[in-house]
C-alpha atoms as a PDB file:
ATOM      1  CA  MET A   1      -1.226   3.451 -14.526  1.00  0.00           C
ATOM      2  CA  ARG A   2      -0.845   4.065 -10.838  1.00  0.00           C
ATOM      3  CA  ARG A   3       1.832   6.263  -9.265  1.00  0.00           C
ATOM      4  CA  THR A   4       4.393   4.329  -7.271  1.00  0.00           C
ATOM      5  CA  PHE A   5       5.113   5.982  -3.917  1.00  0.00           C
ATOM      6  CA  THR A   6       8.772   6.599  -3.247  1.00  0.00           C
ATOM      7  CA  PRO A   7       9.065   6.803   0.557  1.00  0.00           C
ATOM      8  CA  GLN A   8      12.575   8.231   0.764  1.00  0.00           C
ATOM      9  CA  GLY A   9      11.699  11.122  -1.521  1.00  0.00           C
ATOM     10  CA  ALA A  10       8.483  12.112   0.185  1.00  0.00           C
ATOM     11  CA  ILE A  11       9.036  11.608   3.882  1.00  0.00           C
ATOM     12  CA  GLY A  12      10.918  14.851   4.356  1.00  0.00           C
ATOM     13  CA  GLY A  13       7.966  16.941   3.230  1.00  0.00           C
ATOM     14  CA  LEU A  14       5.451  14.603   4.717  1.00  0.00           C
ATOM     15  CA  ILE A  15       6.194  14.506   8.448  1.00  0.00           C
ATOM     16  CA  LEU A  16       3.445  17.011   8.817  1.00  0.00           C
ATOM     17  CA  GLY A  17       5.222  19.358  11.150  1.00  0.00           C
ATOM     18  CA  ALA A  18       1.945  21.224  11.069  1.00  0.00           C
ATOM     19  CA  ALA A  19      -1.197  19.491  12.241  1.00  0.00           C
ATOM     20  CA  LEU A  20      -3.258  17.752   9.600  1.00  0.00           C
ATOM     21  CA  LEU A  21      -6.069  19.952   8.372  1.00  0.00           C
ATOM     22  CA  ALA A  22      -9.425  19.525  10.166  1.00  0.00           C
ATOM     23  CA  LEU A  23     -12.109  19.734   7.481  1.00  0.00           C
ATOM     24  CA  ALA A  24     -15.667  20.605   8.309  1.00  0.00           C
ATOM     25  CA  GLY A  25     -18.799  18.620   7.572  1.00  0.00           C
ATOM     26  CA  CYS A  26     -19.984  15.997  10.037  1.00  0.00           C
ATOM     27  CA  GLY A  27     -20.608  12.745   8.220  1.00  0.00           C
ATOM     28  CA  SER A  28     -18.801  13.938   5.071  1.00  0.00           C
ATOM     29  CA  THR A  29     -15.154  13.542   5.960  1.00  0.00           C
ATOM     30  CA  PRO A  30     -13.114  10.992   7.904  1.00  0.00           C
ATOM     31  CA  PRO A  31     -11.192  12.262  10.948  1.00  0.00           C
ATOM     32  CA  SER A  32      -8.715  14.984   9.947  1.00  0.00           C
ATOM     33  CA  ASN A  33      -6.035  12.862  11.603  1.00  0.00           C
ATOM     34  CA  ILE A  34      -6.816   9.180  11.010  1.00  0.00           C
ATOM     35  CA  THR A  35      -4.999   8.401  14.291  1.00  0.00           C
ATOM     36  CA  LEU A  36      -8.019   9.691  16.173  1.00  0.00           C
ATOM     37  CA  ALA A  37     -11.397   8.030  16.421  1.00  0.00           C
ATOM     38  CA  SER A  38     -14.137  10.272  15.137  1.00  0.00           C
ATOM     39  CA  GLN A  39     -17.312  11.080  17.009  1.00  0.00           C
ATOM     40  CA  ASP A  40     -19.132  10.439  13.759  1.00  0.00           C
ATOM     41  CA  ALA A  41     -21.347   7.368  14.050  1.00  0.00           C
ATOM     42  CA  GLN A  42     -20.009   6.184  10.702  1.00  0.00           C
ATOM     43  CA  SER A  43     -16.505   5.696  12.006  1.00  0.00           C
ATOM     44  CA  SER A  44     -15.021   3.361  14.648  1.00  0.00           C
ATOM     45  CA  ALA A  45     -11.638   2.601  16.194  1.00  0.00           C
ATOM     46  CA  THR A  46     -10.675  -0.827  17.616  1.00  0.00           C
ATOM     47  CA  PRO A  47      -7.442  -1.392  19.628  1.00  0.00           C
ATOM     48  CA  GLU A  48      -5.416  -4.395  18.426  1.00  0.00           C
ATOM     49  CA  LYS A  49      -2.028  -5.964  19.098  1.00  0.00           C
ATOM     50  CA  VAL A  50       0.512  -7.281  16.608  1.00  0.00           C
ATOM     51  CA  GLY A  51       3.205  -8.931  18.727  1.00  0.00           C
ATOM     52  CA  ASP A  52       4.374  -6.180  21.069  1.00  0.00           C
ATOM     53  CA  LEU A  53       3.070  -3.510  18.713  1.00  0.00           C
ATOM     54  CA  SER A  54      -0.075  -1.601  19.654  1.00  0.00           C
ATOM     55  CA  THR A  55      -2.326  -0.673  16.724  1.00  0.00           C
ATOM     56  CA  GLU A  56      -5.758   0.714  16.224  1.00  0.00           C
ATOM     57  CA  ARG A  57      -8.041  -0.261  13.378  1.00  0.00           C
ATOM     58  CA  ILE A  58      -9.899   2.722  11.955  1.00  0.00           C
ATOM     59  CA  LYS A  59     -13.069   2.187   9.949  1.00  0.00           C
ATOM     60  CA  TRP A  60     -15.078   4.908   8.202  1.00  0.00           C
ATOM     61  CA  ALA A  61     -17.537   4.866   5.333  1.00  0.00           C
ATOM     62  CA  SER A  62     -19.806   7.391   3.676  1.00  0.00           C
ATOM     63  CA  SER A  63     -21.687   8.205   0.487  1.00  0.00           C
ATOM     64  CA  LYS A  64     -21.645  11.784  -0.744  1.00  0.00           C
ATOM     65  CA  PRO A  65     -23.660  13.868   1.730  1.00  0.00           C
ATOM     66  CA  GLY A  66     -26.980  15.091   0.331  1.00  0.00           C
ATOM     67  CA  CYS A  67     -26.910  12.635  -2.542  1.00  0.00           C
ATOM     68  CA  ASP A  68     -29.799  10.362  -3.440  1.00  0.00           C
ATOM     69  CA  GLY A  69     -29.792   7.369  -5.799  1.00  0.00           C
ATOM     70  CA  ASP A  70     -26.467   6.398  -7.332  1.00  0.00           C
ATOM     71  CA  CYS A  71     -23.931   8.239  -5.166  1.00  0.00           C
ATOM     72  CA  PRO A  72     -20.129   8.437  -4.974  1.00  0.00           C
ATOM     73  CA  ARG A  73     -18.802   6.419  -2.050  1.00  0.00           C
ATOM     74  CA  ILE A  74     -15.623   6.107   0.033  1.00  0.00           C
ATOM     75  CA  GLU A  75     -14.743   3.371   2.480  1.00  0.00           C
ATOM     76  CA  ILE A  76     -11.669   3.356   4.750  1.00  0.00           C
ATOM     77  CA  ASP A  77     -10.331   0.390   6.705  1.00  0.00           C
ATOM     78  CA  SER A  78      -6.977   1.675   7.943  1.00  0.00           C
ATOM     79  CA  VAL A  79      -4.538   1.119  10.769  1.00  0.00           C
ATOM     80  CA  ALA A  80      -3.132   3.645  13.212  1.00  0.00           C
ATOM     81  CA  PHE A  81      -0.179   3.384  15.549  1.00  0.00           C
ATOM     82  CA  PRO A  82      -0.935   5.177  18.834  1.00  0.00           C
ATOM     83  CA  GLY A  83       2.706   5.068  19.915  1.00  0.00           C
ATOM     84  CA  ILE A  84       4.111   6.063  16.552  1.00  0.00           C
ATOM     85  CA  PRO A  85       2.178   9.118  15.276  1.00  0.00           C
ATOM     86  CA  LYS A  86       4.751   9.722  12.545  1.00  0.00           C
ATOM     87  CA  LEU A  87       3.937   6.321  11.024  1.00  0.00           C
ATOM     88  CA  THR A  88       0.230   6.896  11.330  1.00  0.00           C
ATOM     89  CA  ALA A  89       0.544  10.160   9.412  1.00  0.00           C
ATOM     90  CA  LEU A  90       2.644   8.371   6.782  1.00  0.00           C
ATOM     91  CA  VAL A  91      -0.011   5.690   6.253  1.00  0.00           C
ATOM     92  CA  ASP A  92      -2.697   8.318   5.900  1.00  0.00           C
ATOM     93  CA  HIS A  93      -0.625  10.333   3.400  1.00  0.00           C
ATOM     94  CA  VAL A  94       0.479   7.394   1.256  1.00  0.00           C
ATOM     95  CA  LEU A  95      -3.053   6.045   0.953  1.00  0.00           C
ATOM     96  CA  ALA A  96      -4.173   9.431  -0.349  1.00  0.00           C
ATOM     97  CA  TYR A  97      -1.120   9.653  -2.635  1.00  0.00           C
ATOM     98  CA  MET A  98      -1.902   6.264  -4.227  1.00  0.00           C
ATOM     99  CA  THR A  99      -5.139   7.600  -5.766  1.00  0.00           C
ATOM    100  CA  GLY A 100      -3.212   9.728  -8.219  1.00  0.00           C
ATOM    101  CA  THR A 101      -3.230   8.070 -11.611  1.00  0.00           C
ATOM    102  CA  ASP A 102      -1.467  10.932 -13.348  1.00  0.00           C
ATOM    103  CA  ALA A 103       1.147  13.083 -11.513  1.00  0.00           C
ATOM    104  CA  ASN A 104       0.265  16.068 -13.724  1.00  0.00           C
ATOM    105  CA  ARG A 105      -3.462  15.913 -13.026  1.00  0.00           C
ATOM    106  CA  ARG A 106      -3.528  14.835  -9.412  1.00  0.00           C
ATOM    107  CA  GLY A 107      -5.843  16.762  -7.118  1.00  0.00           C
ATOM    108  CA  PRO A 108      -4.698  19.149  -4.331  1.00  0.00           C
ATOM    109  CA  TYR A 109      -4.802  16.697  -1.416  1.00  0.00           C
ATOM    110  CA  ASP A 110      -2.255  15.111   0.907  1.00  0.00           C
ATOM    111  CA  THR A 111      -4.474  13.310   3.489  1.00  0.00           C
ATOM    112  CA  LEU A 112      -7.534  11.105   3.363  1.00  0.00           C
ATOM    113  CA  SER A 113      -9.722  13.923   4.692  1.00  0.00           C
ATOM    114  CA  GLU A 114      -8.483  16.273   1.917  1.00  0.00           C
ATOM    115  CA  TYR A 115      -9.000  13.552  -0.655  1.00  0.00           C
ATOM    116  CA  THR A 116     -12.560  13.049   0.561  1.00  0.00           C
ATOM    117  CA  GLN A 117     -13.416  16.714   0.005  1.00  0.00           C
ATOM    118  CA  TYR A 118     -11.823  16.599  -3.444  1.00  0.00           C
ATOM    119  CA  PHE A 119     -13.634  13.378  -4.331  1.00  0.00           C
ATOM    120  CA  TRP A 120     -17.051  14.717  -3.274  1.00  0.00           C
ATOM    121  CA  SER A 121     -16.550  17.730  -5.524  1.00  0.00           C
ATOM    122  CA  THR A 122     -15.333  15.848  -8.616  1.00  0.00           C
ATOM    123  CA  ALA A 123     -16.726  12.290  -8.507  1.00  0.00           C
ATOM    124  CA  ARG A 124     -19.404  11.016 -10.872  1.00  0.00           C
ATOM    125  CA  PRO A 125     -22.464   9.135  -9.525  1.00  0.00           C
ATOM    126  CA  ARG A 126     -21.060   5.596  -9.430  1.00  0.00           C
ATOM    127  CA  ASP A 127     -17.439   6.464  -8.573  1.00  0.00           C
ATOM    128  CA  ALA A 128     -16.081   4.772  -5.469  1.00  0.00           C
ATOM    129  CA  THR A 129     -12.741   4.615  -3.671  1.00  0.00           C
ATOM    130  CA  TYR A 130     -11.777   1.952  -1.138  1.00  0.00           C
ATOM    131  CA  PHE A 131      -8.759   2.303   1.165  1.00  0.00           C
ATOM    132  CA  LYS A 132      -7.229  -0.488   3.276  1.00  0.00           C
ATOM    133  CA  ALA A 133      -4.107  -0.570   5.414  1.00  0.00           C
ATOM    134  CA  SER A 134      -2.906  -3.372   7.648  1.00  0.00           C
ATOM    135  CA  VAL A 135       0.221  -4.753   9.294  1.00  0.00           C
ATOM    136  CA  LYS A 136       1.476  -7.552   7.047  1.00  0.00           C
ATOM    137  CA  ASP A 137       4.080  -8.686   9.527  1.00  0.00           C
ATOM    138  CA  SER A 138       6.320  -7.524  12.375  1.00  0.00           C
ATOM    139  CA  VAL A 139       9.820  -8.998  12.415  1.00  0.00           C
ATOM    140  CA  GLY A 140      12.295  -7.657  15.016  1.00  0.00           C
ATOM    141  CA  ASP A 141      12.836  -4.009  14.325  1.00  0.00           C
ATOM    142  CA  ILE A 142      10.801  -3.998  11.072  1.00  0.00           C
ATOM    143  CA  VAL A 143       7.081  -3.470  10.786  1.00  0.00           C
ATOM    144  CA  SER A 144       5.829  -4.281   7.272  1.00  0.00           C
ATOM    145  CA  ILE A 145       2.629  -2.489   6.280  1.00  0.00           C
ATOM    146  CA  GLU A 146       0.422  -3.243   3.319  1.00  0.00           C
ATOM    147  CA  LEU A 147      -1.485  -0.310   1.797  1.00  0.00           C
ATOM    148  CA  HIS A 148      -4.193  -0.959  -0.751  1.00  0.00           C
ATOM    149  CA  THR A 149      -6.507   1.244  -2.745  1.00  0.00           C
ATOM    150  CA  GLU A 150      -9.104   0.392  -5.328  1.00  0.00           C
ATOM    151  CA  GLN A 151     -10.918   2.963  -7.429  1.00  0.00           C
ATOM    152  CA  PHE A 152     -14.064   2.327  -9.385  1.00  0.00           C
ATOM    153  CA  LEU A 153     -14.853   4.908 -12.063  1.00  0.00           C
ATOM    154  CA  THR A 154     -18.265   5.338 -13.606  1.00  0.00           C
ATOM    155  CA  GLY A 155     -18.391   3.439 -16.909  1.00  0.00           C
ATOM    156  CA  ALA A 156     -15.115   1.538 -16.358  1.00  0.00           C
ATOM    157  CA  ALA A 157     -15.172  -2.226 -16.845  1.00  0.00           C
ATOM    158  CA  HIS A 158     -13.408  -2.916 -13.525  1.00  0.00           C
ATOM    159  CA  GLY A 159     -11.676  -1.278 -10.626  1.00  0.00           C
ATOM    160  CA  ILE A 160      -8.130   0.130 -10.547  1.00  0.00           C
ATOM    161  CA  PRO A 161      -6.210  -1.602  -7.734  1.00  0.00           C
ATOM    162  CA  ALA A 162      -2.903  -0.540  -6.233  1.00  0.00           C
ATOM    163  CA  THR A 163      -0.806  -1.994  -3.404  1.00  0.00           C
ATOM    164  CA  GLN A 164       2.199  -0.484  -1.753  1.00  0.00           C
ATOM    165  CA  TYR A 165       4.403  -1.976   0.989  1.00  0.00           C
ATOM    166  CA  LEU A 166       6.187   0.097   3.619  1.00  0.00           C
ATOM    167  CA  ASN A 167       8.942  -1.389   5.813  1.00  0.00           C
ATOM    168  CA  TRP A 168       9.158   0.741   8.936  1.00  0.00           C
ATOM    169  CA  GLU A 169      12.335   0.692  11.031  1.00  0.00           C
ATOM    170  CA  ARG A 170      11.116   1.190  14.596  1.00  0.00           C
ATOM    171  CA  SER A 171      14.505   2.079  16.071  1.00  0.00           C
ATOM    172  CA  ARG A 172      15.213   4.741  13.451  1.00  0.00           C
ATOM    173  CA  GLY A 173      11.685   5.960  12.911  1.00  0.00           C
ATOM    174  CA  ARG A 174      11.801   5.797   9.119  1.00  0.00           C
ATOM    175  CA  VAL A 175      11.021   3.662   6.089  1.00  0.00           C
ATOM    176  CA  MET A 176      13.683   1.242   4.868  1.00  0.00           C
ATOM    177  CA  SER A 177      14.170   1.081   1.094  1.00  0.00           C
ATOM    178  CA  LEU A 178      15.117  -2.067  -0.755  1.00  0.00           C
ATOM    179  CA  ASP A 179      18.640  -0.865  -1.464  1.00  0.00           C
ATOM    180  CA  GLU A 180      19.099  -0.251   2.288  1.00  0.00           C
ATOM    181  CA  ALA A 181      18.015  -3.832   3.011  1.00  0.00           C
ATOM    182  CA  LEU A 182      20.479  -5.355   0.522  1.00  0.00           C
ATOM    183  CA  ILE A 183      24.206  -5.807   1.058  1.00  0.00           C
ATOM    184  CA  PRO A 184      25.901  -3.111  -1.025  1.00  0.00           C
ATOM    185  CA  GLY A 185      26.702  -4.350  -4.502  1.00  0.00           C
ATOM    186  CA  ARG A 186      24.249  -7.285  -4.356  1.00  0.00           C
ATOM    187  CA  ARG A 187      21.394  -5.819  -6.378  1.00  0.00           C
ATOM    188  CA  ALA A 188      22.058  -8.130  -9.317  1.00  0.00           C
ATOM    189  CA  GLU A 189      21.868 -11.144  -7.000  1.00  0.00           C
ATOM    190  CA  TYR A 190      18.534  -9.874  -5.639  1.00  0.00           C
ATOM    191  CA  VAL A 191      17.154  -9.598  -9.182  1.00  0.00           C
ATOM    192  CA  ALA A 192      18.345 -13.141  -9.906  1.00  0.00           C
ATOM    193  CA  ALA A 193      16.583 -14.427  -6.766  1.00  0.00           C
ATOM    194  CA  LEU A 194      13.435 -12.545  -7.786  1.00  0.00           C
ATOM    195  CA  LYS A 195      13.604 -13.985 -11.267  1.00  0.00           C
ATOM    196  CA  SER A 196      13.917 -17.504  -9.790  1.00  0.00           C
ATOM    197  CA  ALA A 197      10.766 -16.798  -7.691  1.00  0.00           C
ATOM    198  CA  HIS A 198       9.034 -15.606 -10.841  1.00  0.00           C
ATOM    199  CA  THR A 199       9.981 -18.870 -12.609  1.00  0.00           C
ATOM    200  CA  LYS A 200       8.411 -20.878  -9.744  1.00  0.00           C
ATOM    201  CA  TRP A 201       5.304 -18.662  -9.868  1.00  0.00           C
ATOM    202  CA  LEU A 202       4.959 -19.315 -13.615  1.00  0.00           C
ATOM    203  CA  ALA A 203       5.069 -23.083 -12.979  1.00  0.00           C
ATOM    204  CA  GLY A 204       1.803 -22.706 -11.109  1.00  0.00           C
ATOM    205  CA  ASN A 205       0.221 -20.278 -13.563  1.00  0.00           C
ATOM    206  CA  PRO A 206      -2.209 -22.138 -15.881  1.00  0.00           C
ATOM    207  CA  ASP A 207      -2.063 -19.398 -18.545  1.00  0.00           C
ATOM    208  CA  ALA A 208       1.695 -19.521 -18.645  1.00  0.00           C
ATOM    209  CA  LYS A 209       1.728 -23.326 -18.756  1.00  0.00           C
ATOM    210  CA  ARG A 210      -0.723 -23.349 -21.673  1.00  0.00           C
ATOM    211  CA  ASP A 211       1.604 -21.379 -24.010  1.00  0.00           C
ATOM    212  CA  PRO A 212       4.894 -20.396 -22.296  1.00  0.00           C
ATOM    213  CA  ALA A 213       6.432 -18.632 -25.294  1.00  0.00           C
ATOM    214  CA  SER A 214       3.452 -16.389 -25.963  1.00  0.00           C
ATOM    215  CA  TYR A 215       2.937 -15.682 -22.305  1.00  0.00           C
ATOM    216  CA  ASN A 216       6.534 -14.677 -21.713  1.00  0.00           C
ATOM    217  CA  LYS A 217       6.410 -12.440 -24.759  1.00  0.00           C
ATOM    218  CA  MET A 218       3.222 -10.695 -23.591  1.00  0.00           C
ATOM    219  CA  TRP A 219       4.076 -10.685 -19.838  1.00  0.00           C
ATOM    220  CA  PRO A 220       7.878 -10.749 -19.437  1.00  0.00           C
ATOM    221  CA  PHE A 221       9.657 -10.687 -16.091  1.00  0.00           C
ATOM    222  CA  GLN A 222      10.104  -7.295 -14.479  1.00  0.00           C
ATOM    223  CA  GLU A 223      12.065  -6.084 -11.515  1.00  0.00           C
ATOM    224  CA  SER A 224      10.175  -4.585  -8.530  1.00  0.00           C
ATOM    225  CA  ASP A 225      11.230  -2.751  -5.361  1.00  0.00           C
ATOM    226  CA  ASN A 226       7.779  -3.050  -3.821  1.00  0.00           C
ATOM    227  CA  PHE A 227       8.753  -5.510  -1.029  1.00  0.00           C
ATOM    228  CA  ALA A 228       7.662  -6.493   2.429  1.00  0.00           C
ATOM    229  CA  LEU A 229       9.987  -8.189   4.932  1.00  0.00           C
ATOM    230  CA  THR A 230       8.116 -11.077   6.623  1.00  0.00           C
ATOM    231  CA  ARG A 231       9.053 -13.862   8.986  1.00  0.00           C
ATOM    232  CA  ASP A 232       9.431 -16.252   6.001  1.00  0.00           C
ATOM    233  CA  GLY A 233      11.373 -14.031   3.620  1.00  0.00           C
ATOM    234  CA  ILE A 234      10.667 -11.163   1.276  1.00  0.00           C
ATOM    235  CA  VAL A 235       7.331 -10.783  -0.488  1.00  0.00           C
ATOM    236  CA  VAL A 236       7.326  -8.694  -3.663  1.00  0.00           C
ATOM    237  CA  LYS A 237       4.107  -7.213  -5.064  1.00  0.00           C
ATOM    238  CA  TYR A 238       3.397  -6.267  -8.719  1.00  0.00           C
ATOM    239  CA  ASP A 239       0.742  -4.037 -10.248  1.00  0.00           C
ATOM    240  CA  ALA A 240      -2.137  -5.503 -12.209  1.00  0.00           C
ATOM    241  CA  TYR A 241      -1.214  -5.767 -15.908  1.00  0.00           C
ATOM    242  CA  SER A 242       2.529  -5.815 -15.087  1.00  0.00           C
ATOM    243  CA  ILE A 243       3.548  -9.466 -15.308  1.00  0.00           C
ATOM    244  CA  ALA A 244       0.100 -11.014 -15.832  1.00  0.00           C
ATOM    245  CA  PRO A 245      -3.308 -10.142 -17.222  1.00  0.00           C
ATOM    246  CA  TYR A 246      -5.885  -8.362 -15.040  1.00  0.00           C
ATOM    247  CA  SER A 247      -7.572 -11.661 -14.148  1.00  0.00           C
ATOM    248  CA  HIS A 248      -4.525 -12.566 -12.076  1.00  0.00           C
ATOM    249  CA  GLY A 249      -4.955  -9.430  -9.857  1.00  0.00           C
ATOM    250  CA  GLU A 250      -1.759  -8.041  -8.337  1.00  0.00           C
ATOM    251  CA  PRO A 251       0.797 -10.901  -8.500  1.00  0.00           C
ATOM    252  CA  GLU A 252       2.918 -11.574  -5.454  1.00  0.00           C
ATOM    253  CA  LEU A 253       6.266 -13.333  -5.508  1.00  0.00           C
ATOM    254  CA  ALA A 254       7.914 -14.810  -2.418  1.00  0.00           C
ATOM    255  CA  ILE A 255      11.713 -15.146  -1.919  1.00  0.00           C
ATOM    256  CA  PRO A 256      12.542 -17.367   1.074  1.00  0.00           C
ATOM    257  CA  TYR A 257      15.387 -16.423   3.379  1.00  0.00           C
ATOM    258  CA  GLY A 258      17.383 -19.376   2.179  1.00  0.00           C
ATOM    259  CA  ASP A 259      17.692 -17.676  -1.205  1.00  0.00           C
ATOM    260  CA  LEU A 260      18.600 -14.339   0.367  1.00  0.00           C
ATOM    261  CA  ARG A 261      21.735 -15.244   2.282  1.00  0.00           C
ATOM    262  CA  GLY A 262      24.610 -13.227   0.994  1.00  0.00           C
ATOM    263  CA  ILE A 263      22.079 -10.804  -0.511  1.00  0.00           C
ATOM    264  CA  LEU A 264      20.065  -9.395   2.355  1.00  0.00           C
ATOM    265  CA  LYS A 265      21.929  -7.692   5.185  1.00  0.00           C
ATOM    266  CA  PRO A 266      22.733 -10.230   7.935  1.00  0.00           C
ATOM    267  CA  GLU A 267      20.852  -8.332  10.636  1.00  0.00           C
ATOM    268  CA  LEU A 268      17.623  -8.807   8.663  1.00  0.00           C
ATOM    269  CA  LEU A 269      18.068 -12.567   8.370  1.00  0.00           C
ATOM    270  CA  PRO A 270      16.639 -14.977  10.997  1.00  0.00           C
ATOM    271  CA  ALA A 271      19.173 -16.362  13.438  1.00  0.00           C
ATOM    272  CA  SER A 272      18.595 -19.995  12.437  1.00  0.00           C
END
């Protein structure tokens, strides 16, 4: 089961007051700070715009150096924020953090470069890790970022996916938690709106429609704080195997703004 990142608890130690470690080995590690384009031919950086937000797409891929045949592999398709280095560092850190499947056995790494070194030293021949980060939406002061990892372990039937949303407050330079987005005391109303969205999602789920009672017993509704603020409302992401079998991937529920009035803080609601 993946580890869920808790932004408020980790940011204090994360801000990387010291520079991110620069690890040696041309062709074997991504840039020590993913903000920067590497001189390595296997990496590239492409400037992009999301509204008035300047971003840079960072791509890097490599198999384990010196390996022939079936080799461990890492691919990174991330996003950097040239004007917001603190956010770039956070994205890099959280992507690395999301690879830990057991908090007691997690490797000694805090960045993608450190993870790469750890992975090369511990991975089996067909192990692979894929990292992806992108801006899901930008609404007023909030930039919603989607972070995704998928790990393939030698001998496993399928990959282990994980997705985490971050809602970055540009004016305050920090991540906004769900409880900070809600009007105080309206958590129960949020859960009711989420449950209503879940009911609508079930109506389009062929497995649930086939045998509703058995499905609800096997895959009951669960709460989730893993949300992204978008121009149409809140999107809530679930882990694989949480409210649906693996074949459904990572379910996503949408709560429109019309269902969030009186629940979400007014400044986060659209004017109309």
